[in-house]
Amino acid sequence: MDPSSSDPTGMTKVDPRGDVVFEVGENDLRAQLLVSSKVLGLASPVFLAMFKRGFQEGENLFCGSLHPVHLPDDDPEAITILCNILHLRHRLIPRVLTLETLSNLAVICDKYDCKDAVTSWSIIWLQSWVDSAGPDVLEKLLFIAYGLDIPDVFTKISYSLLTLHAGPLGLNPTPAELDILPENLFGMAQMDDIEDGRESIYAEIQRAIENGISSMIEGDDNGKQCIRSAVGHYFQNLSKIGLWPLSDSLRKYSVSDIITKASNLEDPEDDSSRCSYDCQCARKEYIGPRLQEALEEIRRNIVGFCLDCAKTEGVSNGYQGCRIPHPPEEWRASG
């Protein structure tokens, strides 16, 4: 906090010539901010309405009174950051925020309908987290990107959840977050769209693994000893890297983990010394590369979800109405 902006009473003079005093929070967590109603009204239709005649805050303003405007439910740090942004006090704005503060800001910006005023800062804050975030943090960031209305970051986070998260998702929004988290997004983040997308991806991976030796067992040679040996070695090697049996192991790992494990798949042992040159077992050396190629193709086809479609349940119509264009029949944008 800038010392020159505070007076002996502890009030922070965001605008030294301000005409409104915010008293934010409760008990020992309170903050007093001297701010400009004009600046706030330009950024927020909620504040604009609050300071008009007909509301107590507006009546006090027109009477020239500095009666505090009480905001007991708001987070003092988040409100202070918001007011500093709106009053162009950029050197006082932190470049990195904690997840808790980011979440509180998302709630505040939704409550006062001023997300557009903080877009540039929102991108900076979110990007500082997204590039190095683990799966558990990504779930929280998904909510924050929604609340701050940053579509490209929302798409990137949902893509990461599809590819990096192992096991069921567990987004647990706070009561304040839940107020701005629509039912369709809460369902999507819990078990619906993202979980359905992950299940579809795992089903594709399972087919790719099971089809890894299809060219060997579908021919006329499938009863030969060399073929049976190659098939046995294939599943044995899958077990060594933790990918067999599929029903027990597949969903223990993220999509990226599975692809990494598949890159360590050993070729079946050579048991073809007495086979003819055209025996199907000669194809075993292609099993590993072919599986890796199939899994990489699955990963290339994974895409993140569209924020605009999530907010409108698809009404925004992809190419025509979404900020990140995509086919209208899909709720996703490019990953």
Protein backbone atom coordinates (compact mmCIF):
# COMPACT_ATOMS: atom_id res chain seq x y z
CA MET A 1 0.00 0.00 0.00
CA ASP A 2 1.26 3.48 -0.85
CA PRO A 3 1.88 5.33 2.50
CA SER A 4 1.05 8.66 0.90
CA SER A 5 -2.42 7.41 0.14
CA SER A 6 -3.38 6.75 3.78
CA ASP A 7 -4.33 9.13 6.57
CA PRO A 8 -3.83 8.65 10.34
CA THR A 9 -7.27 7.04 10.66
CA GLY A 10 -6.21 4.19 8.40
CA MET A 11 -8.31 5.28 5.44
CA THR A 12 -6.73 4.58 2.06
CA LYS A 13 -7.20 7.54 -0.25
CA VAL A 14 -7.51 5.78 -3.58
CA ASP A 15 -8.71 9.15 -4.85
CA PRO A 16 -7.67 11.99 -2.49
CA ARG A 17 -10.53 14.06 -3.92
CA GLY A 18 -12.99 11.19 -3.77
CA ASP A 19 -16.63 11.58 -2.76
CA VAL A 20 -17.41 8.06 -1.47
CA VAL A 21 -15.99 6.06 1.43
CA PHE A 22 -16.13 2.28 1.19
CA GLU A 23 -16.00 0.38 4.45
CA VAL A 24 -15.17 -3.14 3.36
CA GLY A 25 -15.28 -6.39 5.30
CA GLU A 26 -15.99 -7.03 8.95
CA ASN A 27 -14.24 -6.76 12.31
CA ASP A 28 -10.43 -6.73 12.11
CA LEU A 29 -10.43 -7.37 8.36
CA ARG A 30 -12.09 -4.09 7.50
CA ALA A 31 -10.64 -1.51 5.11
CA GLN A 32 -11.70 2.07 4.44
CA LEU A 33 -11.25 3.41 0.93
CA LEU A 34 -11.86 6.94 -0.32
CA VAL A 35 -12.90 6.55 -3.95
CA SER A 36 -14.56 8.42 -6.81
CA SER A 37 -18.19 7.59 -7.58
CA LYS A 38 -17.67 8.89 -11.12
CA VAL A 39 -14.80 6.48 -11.79
CA LEU A 40 -16.68 3.56 -10.26
CA GLY A 41 -19.80 4.34 -12.26
CA LEU A 42 -17.90 4.40 -15.54
CA ALA A 43 -16.64 0.86 -14.94
CA SER A 44 -19.64 -0.72 -13.24
CA PRO A 45 -23.37 -0.38 -13.97
CA VAL A 46 -24.00 -1.65 -10.45
CA PHE A 47 -22.02 1.20 -8.89
CA LEU A 48 -23.60 3.64 -11.36
CA ALA A 49 -27.07 2.67 -10.14
CA MET A 50 -25.96 2.63 -6.48
CA PHE A 51 -24.91 6.28 -6.58
CA LYS A 52 -28.07 7.61 -8.20
CA ARG A 53 -30.89 9.34 -6.37
CA GLY A 54 -33.31 6.85 -4.87
CA PHE A 55 -30.66 4.77 -3.12
CA GLN A 56 -29.28 5.71 0.28
CA GLU A 57 -25.74 5.85 -1.09
CA GLY A 58 -26.89 8.19 -3.84
CA GLU A 59 -28.83 10.43 -1.47
CA ASN A 60 -25.78 10.79 0.77
CA LEU A 61 -23.68 11.65 -2.27
CA PHE A 62 -26.06 14.38 -3.45
CA CYS A 63 -26.14 15.83 0.06
CA GLY A 64 -22.35 16.07 0.05
CA SER A 65 -22.11 13.62 2.94
CA LEU A 66 -19.25 11.13 3.35
CA HIS A 67 -21.29 8.50 5.17
CA PRO A 68 -19.51 5.16 4.71
CA VAL A 69 -20.87 2.71 2.17
CA HIS A 70 -20.74 -0.62 4.00
CA LEU A 71 -19.64 -3.67 1.99
CA PRO A 72 -19.43 -6.30 4.76
CA ASP A 73 -19.56 -9.32 2.45
CA ASP A 74 -16.73 -8.20 0.17
CA ASP A 75 -13.07 -9.09 0.56
CA PRO A 76 -11.03 -5.99 1.49
CA GLU A 77 -7.96 -6.99 -0.53
CA ALA A 78 -10.00 -7.76 -3.65
CA ILE A 79 -11.96 -4.49 -3.43
CA THR A 80 -8.75 -2.53 -2.88
CA ILE A 81 -7.13 -4.09 -5.95
CA LEU A 82 -10.26 -3.44 -8.00
CA CYS A 83 -10.42 0.20 -6.94
CA ASN A 84 -6.73 0.70 -7.67
CA ILE A 85 -7.25 -0.67 -11.18
CA LEU A 86 -10.28 1.52 -11.82
CA HIS A 87 -8.46 4.62 -10.53
CA LEU A 88 -5.38 3.83 -12.70
CA ARG A 89 -3.05 3.32 -9.71
CA HIS A 90 -1.19 0.63 -11.64
CA ARG A 91 2.07 0.72 -9.72
CA LEU A 92 0.17 -0.46 -6.62
CA ILE A 93 -1.31 -3.49 -8.33
CA PRO A 94 0.46 -6.82 -7.62
CA ARG A 95 1.61 -8.75 -10.68
CA VAL A 96 0.97 -12.10 -8.99
CA LEU A 97 -2.03 -12.97 -6.83
CA THR A 98 -2.81 -15.94 -4.63
CA LEU A 99 -5.56 -18.31 -5.76
CA GLU A 100 -7.74 -17.11 -2.90
CA THR A 101 -7.39 -13.46 -3.92
CA LEU A 102 -8.01 -14.33 -7.58
CA SER A 103 -11.13 -16.20 -6.59
CA ASN A 104 -12.34 -13.28 -4.45
CA LEU A 105 -11.72 -10.92 -7.37
CA ALA A 106 -13.76 -13.15 -9.68
CA VAL A 107 -16.65 -12.96 -7.22
CA ILE A 108 -16.30 -9.18 -6.85
CA CYS A 109 -16.09 -8.53 -10.59
CA ASP A 110 -19.16 -10.63 -11.22
CA LYS A 111 -21.07 -8.99 -8.38
CA TYR A 112 -20.39 -5.46 -9.63
CA ASP A 113 -20.37 -6.36 -13.35
CA CYS A 114 -16.96 -4.88 -14.05
CA LYS A 115 -15.04 -7.79 -15.58
CA ASP A 116 -14.16 -5.83 -18.71
CA ALA A 117 -12.33 -3.20 -16.68
CA VAL A 118 -9.87 -5.76 -15.31
CA THR A 119 -9.41 -7.98 -18.39
CA SER A 120 -5.76 -7.12 -19.03
CA TRP A 121 -4.81 -7.71 -15.42
CA SER A 122 -6.89 -10.90 -15.29
CA ILE A 123 -4.91 -12.35 -18.19
CA ILE A 124 -1.60 -11.52 -16.47
CA TRP A 125 -2.70 -13.07 -13.17
CA LEU A 126 -4.19 -16.21 -14.69
CA GLN A 127 -1.27 -16.79 -17.04
CA SER A 128 1.15 -16.66 -14.12
CA TRP A 129 -0.70 -19.68 -12.68
CA VAL A 130 -1.82 -21.68 -15.70
CA ASP A 131 1.57 -22.54 -17.20
CA SER A 132 2.80 -24.29 -14.05
CA ALA A 133 -0.44 -25.35 -12.37
CA GLY A 134 -1.06 -28.90 -11.28
CA PRO A 135 -4.40 -30.68 -11.86
CA ASP A 136 -5.89 -29.66 -8.49
CA VAL A 137 -5.07 -25.99 -9.07
CA LEU A 138 -6.48 -26.15 -12.60
CA GLU A 139 -9.91 -27.00 -11.21
CA LYS A 140 -9.89 -23.77 -9.19
CA LEU A 141 -8.53 -21.78 -12.12
CA LEU A 142 -11.39 -23.03 -14.30
CA PHE A 143 -13.85 -21.25 -12.03
CA ILE A 144 -11.70 -18.10 -11.88
CA ALA A 145 -11.37 -17.92 -15.69
CA TYR A 146 -15.15 -18.24 -15.91
CA GLY A 147 -15.78 -15.55 -13.30
CA LEU A 148 -13.30 -13.12 -14.89
CA ASP A 149 -14.59 -13.98 -18.38
CA ILE A 150 -11.29 -14.86 -20.09
CA PRO A 151 -12.25 -17.24 -22.93
CA ASP A 152 -8.83 -18.31 -24.23
CA VAL A 153 -7.58 -19.11 -20.73
CA PHE A 154 -10.79 -21.02 -19.98
CA THR A 155 -10.23 -23.12 -23.10
CA LYS A 156 -6.59 -23.73 -22.19
CA ILE A 157 -7.48 -24.79 -18.63
CA SER A 158 -10.22 -27.17 -19.74
CA TYR A 159 -7.82 -28.71 -22.28
CA SER A 160 -5.28 -29.25 -19.51
CA LEU A 161 -7.93 -30.86 -17.31
CA LEU A 162 -8.76 -33.26 -20.13
CA THR A 163 -5.14 -34.25 -20.67
CA LEU A 164 -3.33 -33.81 -17.33
CA HIS A 165 -5.89 -34.80 -14.71
CA ALA A 166 -6.04 -38.38 -13.42
CA GLY A 167 -9.06 -39.67 -11.54
CA PRO A 168 -12.39 -37.91 -10.98
CA LEU A 169 -12.59 -34.15 -10.91
CA GLY A 170 -13.43 -32.53 -7.60
CA LEU A 171 -14.28 -28.86 -8.07
CA ASN A 172 -15.53 -27.60 -4.70
CA PRO A 173 -16.55 -23.94 -5.03
CA THR A 174 -17.04 -21.81 -1.94
CA PRO A 175 -20.59 -20.49 -1.27
CA ALA A 176 -19.60 -17.11 -2.74
CA GLU A 177 -18.20 -18.77 -5.85
CA LEU A 178 -21.25 -20.96 -6.19
CA ASP A 179 -23.43 -17.84 -6.44
CA ILE A 180 -21.84 -16.94 -9.78
CA LEU A 181 -21.18 -20.49 -10.97
CA PRO A 182 -24.17 -21.46 -13.14
CA GLU A 183 -25.63 -24.92 -12.85
CA ASN A 184 -24.47 -25.94 -16.32
CA LEU A 185 -20.83 -25.02 -15.54
CA PHE A 186 -20.90 -26.66 -12.11
CA GLY A 187 -22.24 -29.83 -13.70
CA MET A 188 -19.71 -29.59 -16.53
CA ALA A 189 -16.81 -29.15 -14.16
CA GLN A 190 -18.01 -31.97 -11.93
CA MET A 191 -19.24 -34.87 -14.01
CA ASP A 192 -20.87 -33.79 -17.21
CA ASP A 193 -19.08 -32.36 -20.22
CA ILE A 194 -15.48 -32.57 -19.04
CA GLU A 195 -15.96 -35.99 -17.48
CA ASP A 196 -17.81 -37.21 -20.57
CA GLY A 197 -15.00 -35.85 -22.72
CA ARG A 198 -12.41 -37.65 -20.63
CA GLU A 199 -14.37 -40.90 -20.76
CA SER A 200 -14.52 -40.66 -24.55
CA ILE A 201 -10.77 -40.09 -24.67
CA TYR A 202 -10.10 -43.09 -22.42
CA ALA A 203 -12.36 -45.23 -24.61
CA GLU A 204 -10.31 -44.20 -27.66
CA ILE A 205 -7.09 -45.00 -25.81
CA GLN A 206 -8.42 -48.41 -24.82
CA ARG A 207 -9.32 -49.19 -28.43
CA ALA A 208 -5.88 -48.06 -29.58
CA ILE A 209 -4.15 -50.35 -27.07
CA GLU A 210 -6.38 -53.31 -27.88
CA ASN A 211 -5.90 -52.73 -31.60
CA GLY A 212 -2.13 -52.56 -31.25
CA ILE A 213 -1.73 -56.16 -32.39
CA SER A 214 -4.85 -56.47 -34.53
CA SER A 215 -2.82 -56.82 -37.74
CA MET A 216 -1.13 -59.90 -36.29
CA ILE A 217 -4.12 -61.77 -34.89
CA GLU A 218 -6.55 -61.13 -37.74
CA GLY A 219 -4.53 -62.98 -40.41
CA ASP A 220 -4.31 -66.66 -41.31
CA ASP A 221 -1.21 -67.09 -39.16
CA ASN A 222 -2.91 -66.29 -35.86
CA GLY A 223 -2.64 -69.84 -34.59
CA LYS A 224 1.12 -70.09 -35.00
CA GLN A 225 3.41 -70.24 -32.00
CA CYS A 226 5.28 -67.09 -33.01
CA ILE A 227 2.03 -65.14 -33.16
CA ARG A 228 0.84 -66.43 -29.78
CA SER A 229 4.25 -65.56 -28.33
CA ALA A 230 4.18 -62.02 -29.74
CA VAL A 231 0.65 -61.45 -28.40
CA GLY A 232 1.65 -62.71 -24.97
CA HIS A 233 4.73 -60.53 -24.88
CA TYR A 234 2.66 -57.50 -25.94
CA PHE A 235 0.29 -57.79 -23.00
CA GLN A 236 3.14 -58.69 -20.66
CA ASN A 237 5.00 -55.54 -21.68
CA LEU A 238 1.83 -53.47 -21.23
CA SER A 239 1.63 -54.85 -17.71
CA LYS A 240 5.25 -53.84 -17.05
CA ILE A 241 4.47 -50.20 -17.80
CA GLY A 242 1.21 -50.26 -15.82
CA LEU A 243 -1.26 -50.30 -18.71
CA TRP A 244 -2.63 -53.81 -18.31
CA PRO A 245 -5.20 -54.95 -17.37
CA LEU A 246 -6.91 -51.90 -18.78
CA SER A 247 -9.97 -52.12 -16.53
CA ASP A 248 -7.77 -51.73 -13.44
CA SER A 249 -5.09 -49.34 -14.58
CA LEU A 250 -6.18 -47.05 -17.39
CA ARG A 251 -8.03 -44.41 -15.34
CA LYS A 252 -5.32 -44.23 -12.73
CA TYR A 253 -3.32 -42.10 -15.13
CA SER A 254 -3.85 -38.91 -17.07
CA VAL A 255 -3.93 -38.96 -20.86
CA SER A 256 -0.43 -37.46 -20.98
CA ASP A 257 0.87 -40.06 -18.51
CA ILE A 258 -0.54 -42.89 -20.62
CA ILE A 259 1.14 -41.58 -23.76
CA THR A 260 4.44 -41.23 -21.90
CA LYS A 261 4.15 -44.78 -20.60
CA ALA A 262 3.35 -46.09 -24.08
CA SER A 263 6.60 -44.58 -25.36
CA ASN A 264 8.42 -47.03 -23.06
CA LEU A 265 6.63 -50.07 -24.46
CA GLU A 266 9.13 -52.77 -25.41
CA ASP A 267 8.82 -54.74 -28.64
CA PRO A 268 7.78 -58.39 -28.27
CA GLU A 269 10.71 -60.79 -28.03
CA ASP A 270 11.92 -62.30 -31.29
CA ASP A 271 10.53 -65.84 -31.77
CA SER A 272 10.49 -65.91 -35.57
CA SER A 273 13.81 -67.52 -36.50
CA ARG A 274 12.06 -70.39 -38.26
CA CYS A 275 9.21 -68.35 -39.77
CA SER A 276 8.73 -67.52 -43.42
CA TYR A 277 9.50 -63.99 -44.57
CA ASP A 278 5.79 -63.20 -45.02
CA CYS A 279 4.65 -64.38 -41.57
CA GLN A 280 2.49 -61.87 -39.68
CA CYS A 281 4.85 -61.99 -36.71
CA ALA A 282 7.33 -59.96 -38.73
CA ARG A 283 5.06 -56.99 -38.04
CA LYS A 284 5.70 -57.05 -34.30
CA GLU A 285 8.47 -54.49 -34.61
CA TYR A 286 5.85 -51.93 -35.68
CA ILE A 287 3.58 -52.49 -32.65
CA GLY A 288 5.18 -49.87 -30.37
CA PRO A 289 5.53 -47.10 -32.95
CA ARG A 290 2.05 -47.76 -34.27
CA LEU A 291 0.54 -47.53 -30.78
CA GLN A 292 2.43 -44.33 -30.00
CA GLU A 293 1.26 -42.79 -33.26
CA ALA A 294 -2.35 -43.70 -32.50
CA LEU A 295 -2.13 -42.21 -29.00
CA GLU A 296 -0.51 -39.01 -30.27
CA GLU A 297 -3.32 -38.67 -32.81
CA ILE A 298 -5.82 -38.94 -29.96
CA ARG A 299 -3.99 -36.20 -28.08
CA ARG A 300 -3.87 -33.94 -31.15
CA ASN A 301 -7.64 -34.24 -31.50
CA ILE A 302 -8.35 -33.22 -27.90
CA VAL A 303 -9.70 -29.68 -27.66
CA GLY A 304 -10.66 -27.38 -24.81
CA PHE A 305 -14.15 -26.12 -24.03
CA CYS A 306 -15.61 -22.82 -25.22
CA LEU A 307 -16.46 -20.31 -22.49
CA ASP A 308 -19.15 -18.59 -24.54
CA CYS A 309 -20.88 -21.89 -25.24
CA ALA A 310 -20.61 -22.84 -21.56
CA LYS A 311 -22.33 -19.58 -20.61
CA THR A 312 -25.07 -19.82 -23.24
CA GLU A 313 -25.44 -23.63 -23.39
CA GLY A 314 -24.40 -23.54 -27.02
CA VAL A 315 -26.63 -20.68 -28.16
CA SER A 316 -23.61 -18.54 -29.07
CA ASN A 317 -23.23 -20.85 -32.09
CA GLY A 318 -19.53 -21.42 -32.56
CA TYR A 319 -18.13 -19.52 -35.54
CA GLN A 320 -20.84 -16.84 -35.50
CA GLY A 321 -21.08 -15.79 -31.88
CA CYS A 322 -18.11 -17.15 -29.91
CA ARG A 323 -14.97 -15.17 -29.22
CA ILE A 324 -12.93 -18.30 -30.00
CA PRO A 325 -14.43 -19.58 -33.29
CA HIS A 326 -15.23 -23.29 -33.57
CA PRO A 327 -17.78 -25.54 -35.30
CA PRO A 328 -21.25 -24.65 -33.95
CA GLU A 329 -22.15 -28.27 -33.21
CA GLU A 330 -19.23 -28.58 -30.79
CA TRP A 331 -18.95 -26.98 -27.34
CA ARG A 332 -15.23 -26.83 -27.74
CA ALA A 333 -12.58 -24.60 -29.22
CA SER A 334 -9.11 -25.50 -30.35
CA GLY A 335 -6.77 -26.69 -27.62
